[in-house]
């Protein structure tokens, strides 16, 4: 706008004085024209790119992904989201559309996975599931072989467990069944926790496994196992705590309820799996009482061990390695626990 404002034409009297009004008028006219053009551009949506928030602006250049299939993939400085394709990035937070609010709804639903059903009939009950052994125990023999106090004496921290002849590890089996039990119990509203979830380098040791159930003040604790006996020895059995008093061990308060818990599990296990009680332990009852297991001796909560079958017998091994049968085994244990919790 500086055209000739201070210029003079040589030899022309009063050139500057005569041109000043004309220049002022021209400047005013140009200013009015520019203002009018800006108003027209804004009304037609031409200024939308500059008016968008930083989040909205960034979405205009973000390529469409599989998780946002309704979002335009147009890029470039002047790209605009299509008004026909709602996007959570350009929808004002105070007025979310159904499409924009869906990710939040899905996130909320996902957050409830792994939690007890809020309206379950056993809401408020607490169960600890103890998946026997640990798949990585074999890599930490020094750690698991150290002795720990089991109340009546000392015993190794943990063991590697057994396996089938084909190498299917007991620790893999127990964790699989434990997760199935957890899902079933949570559907009844039960709060379920594990002594471990395959997330530790080894163990935990037997005394710590007992302490976890005690600290949770669990209504029931169940340790899941599979046996490693001779070929021909078949069937399941449930191990109950004997009456033990010594050192930190005093099982007197839990012997009665633990026996009830074990009996409920044994009965339901037969019903759901069709498996017979052990033919080599328990005299056909499917129940066995022991005083040499730290996980039972140190427990202050009703607790049992379930030996679901004999991994060293090929017929039992065929069941233990079968996904459908493991689901039935988990159902039998879960139903036994829920029967016990109902009283």
Protein backbone atom coordinates (compact mmCIF):
# COMPACT_ATOMS: atom_id res chain seq x y z
CA UNK A 1 0.00 0.00 0.00
CA UNK A 2 3.00 2.26 -0.38
CA UNK A 3 2.47 3.09 -4.05
CA UNK A 4 3.53 6.73 -4.54
CA UNK A 5 2.50 7.85 -1.03
CA UNK A 6 5.64 9.98 -0.67
CA UNK A 7 6.50 10.42 -4.37
CA UNK A 8 6.76 13.71 -6.23
CA UNK A 9 6.55 14.32 -9.98
CA UNK A 10 9.24 16.85 -11.02
CA UNK A 11 8.01 20.00 -12.62
CA UNK A 12 4.34 19.56 -11.55
CA UNK A 13 3.19 22.14 -8.97
CA UNK A 14 1.48 20.69 -5.87
CA UNK A 15 1.65 17.05 -7.08
CA UNK A 16 1.87 15.71 -3.52
CA UNK A 17 -1.02 17.80 -2.24
CA UNK A 18 -3.31 16.81 -5.07
CA UNK A 19 -2.63 13.09 -4.83
CA UNK A 20 -3.11 12.67 -1.07
CA UNK A 21 -6.94 12.59 -1.01
CA UNK A 22 -6.96 10.17 -3.92
CA UNK A 23 -4.55 7.77 -2.19
CA UNK A 24 -6.55 7.83 1.06
CA UNK A 25 -9.70 7.01 -0.85
CA UNK A 26 -8.03 4.14 -2.65
CA UNK A 27 -6.69 2.72 0.63
CA UNK A 28 -10.14 2.84 2.21
CA UNK A 29 -11.68 1.14 -0.80
CA UNK A 30 -9.11 -1.67 -0.71
CA UNK A 31 -9.63 -2.21 3.02
CA UNK A 32 -13.39 -2.49 2.56
CA UNK A 33 -12.92 -4.94 -0.30
CA UNK A 34 -10.60 -7.13 1.77
CA UNK A 35 -13.00 -7.17 4.73
CA UNK A 36 -15.88 -8.12 2.47
CA UNK A 37 -13.89 -10.96 0.92
CA UNK A 38 -12.94 -12.31 4.36
CA UNK A 39 -16.58 -12.28 5.49
CA UNK A 40 -17.65 -14.12 2.34
CA UNK A 41 -14.86 -16.72 2.76
CA UNK A 42 -15.77 -17.39 6.39
CA UNK A 43 -19.44 -17.78 5.55
CA UNK A 44 -18.60 -20.31 2.85
CA UNK A 45 -16.48 -22.47 5.21
CA UNK A 46 -13.15 -21.46 3.72
CA UNK A 47 -11.69 -20.70 7.18
CA UNK A 48 -12.54 -24.12 8.75
CA UNK A 49 -8.96 -25.35 8.56
CA UNK A 50 -7.69 -22.47 10.70
CA UNK A 51 -10.56 -22.74 13.17
CA UNK A 52 -10.06 -26.41 13.99
CA UNK A 53 -8.49 -27.50 17.28
CA UNK A 54 -5.00 -29.08 17.16
CA UNK A 55 -6.51 -32.57 17.70
CA UNK A 56 -9.00 -32.06 14.89
CA UNK A 57 -6.33 -30.69 12.59
CA UNK A 58 -4.07 -33.65 13.22
CA UNK A 59 -6.88 -36.06 12.37
CA UNK A 60 -7.23 -34.53 8.91
CA UNK A 61 -3.77 -35.72 7.96
CA UNK A 62 -3.95 -39.11 9.73
CA UNK A 63 -4.45 -42.01 7.28
CA UNK A 64 -7.46 -44.21 7.84
CA UNK A 65 -6.69 -47.37 9.85
CA UNK A 66 -8.51 -50.63 10.33
CA UNK A 67 -9.67 -49.41 13.73
CA UNK A 68 -11.16 -46.24 12.20
CA UNK A 69 -12.66 -47.49 8.99
CA UNK A 70 -15.18 -44.67 8.89
CA UNK A 71 -12.54 -41.96 8.92
CA UNK A 72 -11.24 -40.24 5.82
CA UNK A 73 -7.64 -40.92 4.92
CA UNK A 74 -7.20 -37.67 2.97
CA UNK A 75 -3.99 -35.84 3.74
CA UNK A 76 -2.64 -32.37 3.05
CA UNK A 77 -2.80 -28.94 4.68
CA UNK A 78 -6.29 -28.16 3.43
CA UNK A 79 -7.86 -31.58 3.97
CA UNK A 80 -11.11 -31.62 5.95
CA UNK A 81 -12.92 -34.55 7.61
CA UNK A 82 -16.00 -35.48 5.65
CA UNK A 83 -19.22 -34.43 7.37
CA UNK A 84 -20.78 -37.69 6.13
CA UNK A 85 -18.28 -39.81 8.06
CA UNK A 86 -18.34 -39.01 11.81
CA UNK A 87 -14.97 -39.18 13.52
CA UNK A 88 -14.20 -39.30 17.24
CA UNK A 89 -11.30 -36.91 16.61
CA UNK A 90 -13.43 -34.06 15.31
CA UNK A 91 -16.56 -34.52 17.42
CA UNK A 92 -16.69 -32.06 20.34
CA UNK A 93 -16.26 -34.00 23.63
CA UNK A 94 -19.37 -32.38 25.09
CA UNK A 95 -21.58 -33.78 22.31
CA UNK A 96 -20.26 -37.23 21.36
CA UNK A 97 -22.01 -39.00 18.56
CA UNK A 98 -22.87 -42.68 18.82
CA UNK A 99 -19.86 -43.47 16.65
CA UNK A 100 -17.53 -41.28 18.68
CA UNK A 101 -18.62 -42.74 22.01
CA UNK A 102 -18.31 -46.36 20.86
CA UNK A 103 -14.56 -46.69 21.56
CA UNK A 104 -15.15 -45.54 25.13
CA UNK A 105 -18.00 -48.00 25.53
CA UNK A 106 -15.83 -50.82 24.20
CA UNK A 107 -12.99 -49.84 26.50
CA UNK A 108 -15.35 -49.95 29.47
CA UNK A 109 -16.58 -53.38 28.47
CA UNK A 110 -13.03 -54.61 28.00
CA UNK A 111 -12.17 -53.33 31.46
CA UNK A 112 -14.74 -55.65 33.00
CA UNK A 113 -13.12 -58.75 31.49
CA UNK A 114 -11.57 -60.81 34.28
CA UNK A 115 -13.77 -59.32 36.98
CA UNK A 116 -16.50 -61.07 38.97
CA UNK A 117 -20.02 -60.61 37.70
CA UNK A 118 -21.51 -57.74 39.65
CA UNK A 119 -24.88 -59.45 40.15
CA UNK A 120 -23.50 -62.96 40.68
CA UNK A 121 -25.14 -65.02 43.43
CA UNK A 122 -21.78 -65.49 45.20
CA UNK A 123 -20.74 -61.86 45.13
CA UNK A 124 -18.40 -61.11 48.03
CA UNK A 125 -16.93 -64.60 48.23
CA UNK A 126 -13.16 -64.91 47.76
CA UNK A 127 -11.32 -67.89 46.29
CA UNK A 128 -7.60 -68.37 45.70
CA UNK A 129 -6.55 -70.83 43.00
CA UNK A 130 -3.03 -72.22 43.29
CA UNK A 131 -1.73 -73.55 39.93
CA UNK A 132 0.74 -76.24 40.95
CA UNK A 133 4.44 -75.76 40.16
CA UNK A 134 5.80 -73.36 37.51
CA UNK A 135 6.92 -74.09 33.95
CA UNK A 136 10.24 -72.33 34.63
CA UNK A 137 11.09 -74.16 37.84
CA UNK A 138 13.39 -76.42 35.85
CA UNK A 139 15.61 -73.43 35.07
CA UNK A 140 15.97 -72.53 38.76
CA UNK A 141 16.83 -75.78 40.49
CA UNK A 142 19.01 -74.13 43.13
CA UNK A 143 16.22 -71.77 44.16
CA UNK A 144 13.46 -74.37 44.30
CA UNK A 145 15.62 -76.90 46.12
CA UNK A 146 16.28 -74.66 49.10
CA UNK A 147 14.35 -75.75 52.15
CA UNK A 148 11.53 -73.79 53.75
CA UNK A 149 9.63 -74.16 57.00
CA UNK A 150 6.39 -76.13 56.62
CA UNK A 151 5.42 -75.98 60.26
CA UNK A 152 6.29 -79.53 61.23
CA UNK A 153 9.72 -79.48 59.65
CA UNK A 154 11.40 -78.31 56.47
CA UNK A 155 10.86 -79.17 52.83
CA UNK A 156 12.02 -77.97 49.42
CA UNK A 157 10.64 -74.64 48.23
CA UNK A 158 8.93 -76.20 45.21
CA UNK A 159 9.42 -78.93 42.61
CA UNK A 160 9.33 -79.08 38.84
CA UNK A 161 6.25 -81.29 38.79
CA UNK A 162 5.70 -84.14 36.41
CA UNK A 163 4.75 -84.45 32.73
CA UNK A 164 3.26 -86.86 30.24
CA UNK A 165 5.56 -89.11 28.21
CA UNK A 166 5.07 -86.68 25.32
CA UNK A 167 6.36 -83.80 27.42
CA UNK A 168 3.13 -82.03 28.37
CA UNK A 169 4.13 -80.42 31.66
CA UNK A 170 2.07 -80.55 34.81
CA UNK A 171 2.69 -76.82 35.30
CA UNK A 172 1.18 -76.09 31.87
CA UNK A 173 -1.83 -78.24 32.70
CA UNK A 174 -2.44 -76.65 36.10
CA UNK A 175 -2.32 -73.08 34.77
CA UNK A 176 -4.71 -73.94 31.95
CA UNK A 177 -7.25 -75.51 34.30
CA UNK A 178 -6.82 -72.70 36.83
CA UNK A 179 -7.83 -70.09 34.25
CA UNK A 180 -10.89 -72.10 33.30
CA UNK A 181 -11.92 -72.38 36.97
CA UNK A 182 -11.43 -68.66 37.43
CA UNK A 183 -13.76 -67.80 34.57
CA UNK A 184 -16.46 -70.11 35.89
CA UNK A 185 -16.25 -68.77 39.43
CA UNK A 186 -16.26 -65.15 38.31
CA UNK A 187 -19.47 -65.82 36.43
CA UNK A 188 -20.99 -66.58 39.84
CA UNK A 189 -19.69 -63.30 41.26
CA UNK A 190 -16.70 -64.81 43.10
CA UNK A 191 -13.54 -62.75 43.48
CA UNK A 192 -10.70 -64.99 42.30
CA UNK A 193 -6.95 -64.59 42.57
CA UNK A 194 -3.97 -66.82 41.79
CA UNK A 195 -0.83 -67.60 43.73
CA UNK A 196 0.95 -67.01 40.42
CA UNK A 197 0.04 -66.69 36.76
CA UNK A 198 3.16 -67.98 35.05
CA UNK A 199 4.63 -64.53 35.61
CA UNK A 200 7.41 -65.50 38.02
CA UNK A 201 10.84 -66.98 37.27
CA UNK A 202 10.10 -69.87 39.65
CA UNK A 203 7.80 -70.88 42.50
CA UNK A 204 6.36 -69.40 44.56
CA UNK A 205 7.59 -71.57 47.40
CA UNK A 206 5.04 -73.68 49.23
CA UNK A 207 5.08 -71.46 52.32
CA UNK A 208 4.39 -68.38 50.21
CA UNK A 209 1.56 -70.13 48.39
CA UNK A 210 -0.10 -70.76 51.76
CA UNK A 211 0.54 -67.17 52.86
CA UNK A 212 -1.17 -65.78 49.74
CA UNK A 213 -4.40 -67.61 50.54
CA UNK A 214 -4.17 -66.57 54.19
CA UNK A 215 -3.61 -62.92 53.37
CA UNK A 216 -6.59 -62.92 51.02
CA UNK A 217 -8.75 -64.38 53.81
CA UNK A 218 -10.10 -66.68 51.15
CA UNK A 219 -13.30 -68.59 51.72
CA UNK A 220 -11.64 -71.47 49.89
CA UNK A 221 -8.20 -72.24 48.45
CA UNK A 222 -7.69 -74.94 45.84
CA UNK A 223 -4.34 -76.12 44.55
CA UNK A 224 -4.54 -77.73 41.10
CA UNK A 225 -2.19 -80.62 40.28
CA UNK A 226 -1.74 -83.82 38.30
CA UNK A 227 0.04 -86.86 39.68
CA UNK A 228 3.11 -88.67 38.40
CA UNK A 229 2.61 -92.28 39.44
CA UNK A 230 3.17 -95.66 37.77
CA UNK A 231 1.43 -96.82 34.61
CA UNK A 232 -1.87 -98.46 35.48
CA UNK A 233 -2.51 -96.12 38.38
CA UNK A 234 -5.47 -94.06 37.25
CA UNK A 235 -8.05 -91.60 38.43
CA UNK A 236 -8.21 -88.41 40.48
CA UNK A 237 -7.96 -87.74 44.19
CA UNK A 238 -8.35 -84.75 46.48
CA UNK A 239 -5.81 -84.21 49.25
CA UNK A 240 -7.10 -82.91 52.59
CA UNK A 241 -5.11 -81.41 55.47
CA UNK A 242 -4.45 -83.62 58.48
CA UNK A 243 -4.67 -82.18 61.98
CA UNK A 244 -1.24 -80.67 62.45
CA UNK A 245 0.10 -78.56 65.32
CA UNK A 246 3.72 -77.54 65.33
CA UNK A 247 5.76 -74.42 64.71
CA UNK A 248 3.67 -72.10 62.54
CA UNK A 249 1.24 -74.87 61.66
CA UNK A 250 -2.16 -75.34 63.26
CA UNK A 251 -4.68 -76.87 60.92
CA UNK A 252 -7.27 -77.74 63.57
CA UNK A 253 -9.63 -74.89 62.58
CA UNK A 254 -9.61 -75.79 58.87
CA UNK A 255 -9.68 -79.60 58.91
CA UNK A 256 -13.50 -79.80 59.04
CA UNK A 257 -14.32 -77.22 56.35
CA UNK A 258 -11.47 -78.46 54.15
CA UNK A 259 -12.90 -81.98 54.26
CA UNK A 260 -16.29 -80.60 53.23
CA UNK A 261 -14.69 -78.64 50.39
CA UNK A 262 -12.81 -81.73 49.21
CA UNK A 263 -15.89 -83.93 49.27
CA UNK A 264 -17.89 -81.40 47.23
CA UNK A 265 -15.13 -81.19 44.64
CA UNK A 266 -14.72 -84.98 44.43
CA UNK A 267 -18.44 -85.54 43.87
CA UNK A 268 -18.71 -82.92 41.18
CA UNK A 269 -15.50 -84.05 39.50
CA UNK A 270 -16.93 -87.54 39.01
CA UNK A 271 -20.15 -86.08 37.66
CA UNK A 272 -18.61 -83.70 35.11
CA UNK A 273 -15.63 -85.73 33.88
CA UNK A 274 -16.88 -89.30 34.22
CA UNK A 275 -13.49 -90.17 35.71
CA UNK A 276 -13.35 -92.63 38.56
CA UNK A 277 -11.67 -91.86 41.87
CA UNK A 278 -8.06 -93.00 42.14
CA UNK A 279 -7.49 -96.77 42.08
CA UNK A 280 -4.24 -96.42 44.02
CA UNK A 281 -4.88 -93.71 46.67
CA UNK A 282 -7.85 -93.09 48.95
CA UNK A 283 -9.46 -96.53 48.92
CA UNK A 284 -11.89 -95.62 46.16
CA UNK A 285 -13.17 -92.49 47.95
CA UNK A 286 -11.14 -90.02 45.92
CA UNK A 287 -10.00 -88.44 49.20
CA UNK A 288 -6.59 -88.59 50.84
CA UNK A 289 -5.33 -86.93 54.03
CA UNK A 290 -1.72 -85.79 54.39
CA UNK A 291 0.38 -83.99 56.99
CA UNK A 292 3.57 -83.45 54.96
CA UNK A 293 2.47 -80.69 52.58
CA UNK A 294 3.48 -77.18 53.58
CA UNK A 295 0.75 -75.64 51.43
CA UNK A 296 -1.83 -77.35 53.66
CA UNK A 297 0.00 -77.26 56.99
CA UNK A 298 0.51 -73.49 56.89
CA UNK A 299 -2.95 -72.60 55.63
CA UNK A 300 -5.41 -70.82 57.89
CA UNK A 301 -8.18 -71.02 55.28
CA UNK A 302 -10.10 -74.09 54.05
CA UNK A 303 -7.79 -75.65 51.48
CA UNK A 304 -7.37 -78.80 49.38
CA UNK A 305 -5.15 -80.13 46.60
CA UNK A 306 -6.76 -81.73 43.55
CA UNK A 307 -4.74 -84.35 41.66
CA UNK A 308 -6.75 -84.48 38.44
CA UNK A 309 -5.20 -87.67 37.07
CA UNK A 310 -1.94 -89.55 36.53
CA UNK A 311 0.20 -88.00 33.80
CA UNK A 312 2.42 -91.08 33.58
CA UNK A 313 -0.42 -93.37 32.62
CA UNK A 314 -1.19 -93.16 28.88
CA UNK A 315 -4.95 -93.41 29.32
CA UNK A 316 -5.07 -90.65 31.93
CA UNK A 317 -2.56 -88.65 29.88
CA UNK A 318 -4.90 -88.75 26.89
CA UNK A 319 -7.56 -87.09 29.04
CA UNK A 320 -5.28 -84.53 30.67
CA UNK A 321 -4.01 -83.34 27.29
CA UNK A 322 -7.51 -83.03 25.83
CA UNK A 323 -8.92 -79.49 25.83
CA UNK A 324 -12.54 -80.60 26.18
CA UNK A 325 -11.71 -82.84 29.12
CA UNK A 326 -9.81 -80.04 30.88
CA UNK A 327 -12.92 -77.90 30.56
CA UNK A 328 -14.90 -80.68 32.25
CA UNK A 329 -12.27 -80.99 34.97
CA UNK A 330 -12.41 -77.25 35.60
CA UNK A 331 -16.21 -77.42 35.75
CA UNK A 332 -16.12 -80.19 38.32
CA UNK A 333 -13.71 -78.25 40.54
CA UNK A 334 -15.59 -74.97 40.10
CA UNK A 335 -18.95 -76.59 40.86
CA UNK A 336 -17.50 -78.22 43.96
CA UNK A 337 -16.20 -74.86 45.15
CA UNK A 338 -19.51 -73.08 44.53
CA UNK A 339 -21.43 -75.85 46.32
CA UNK A 340 -19.12 -75.38 49.28
CA UNK A 341 -19.49 -71.60 49.25
CA UNK A 342 -23.27 -71.84 49.26
CA UNK A 343 -23.03 -73.95 52.41
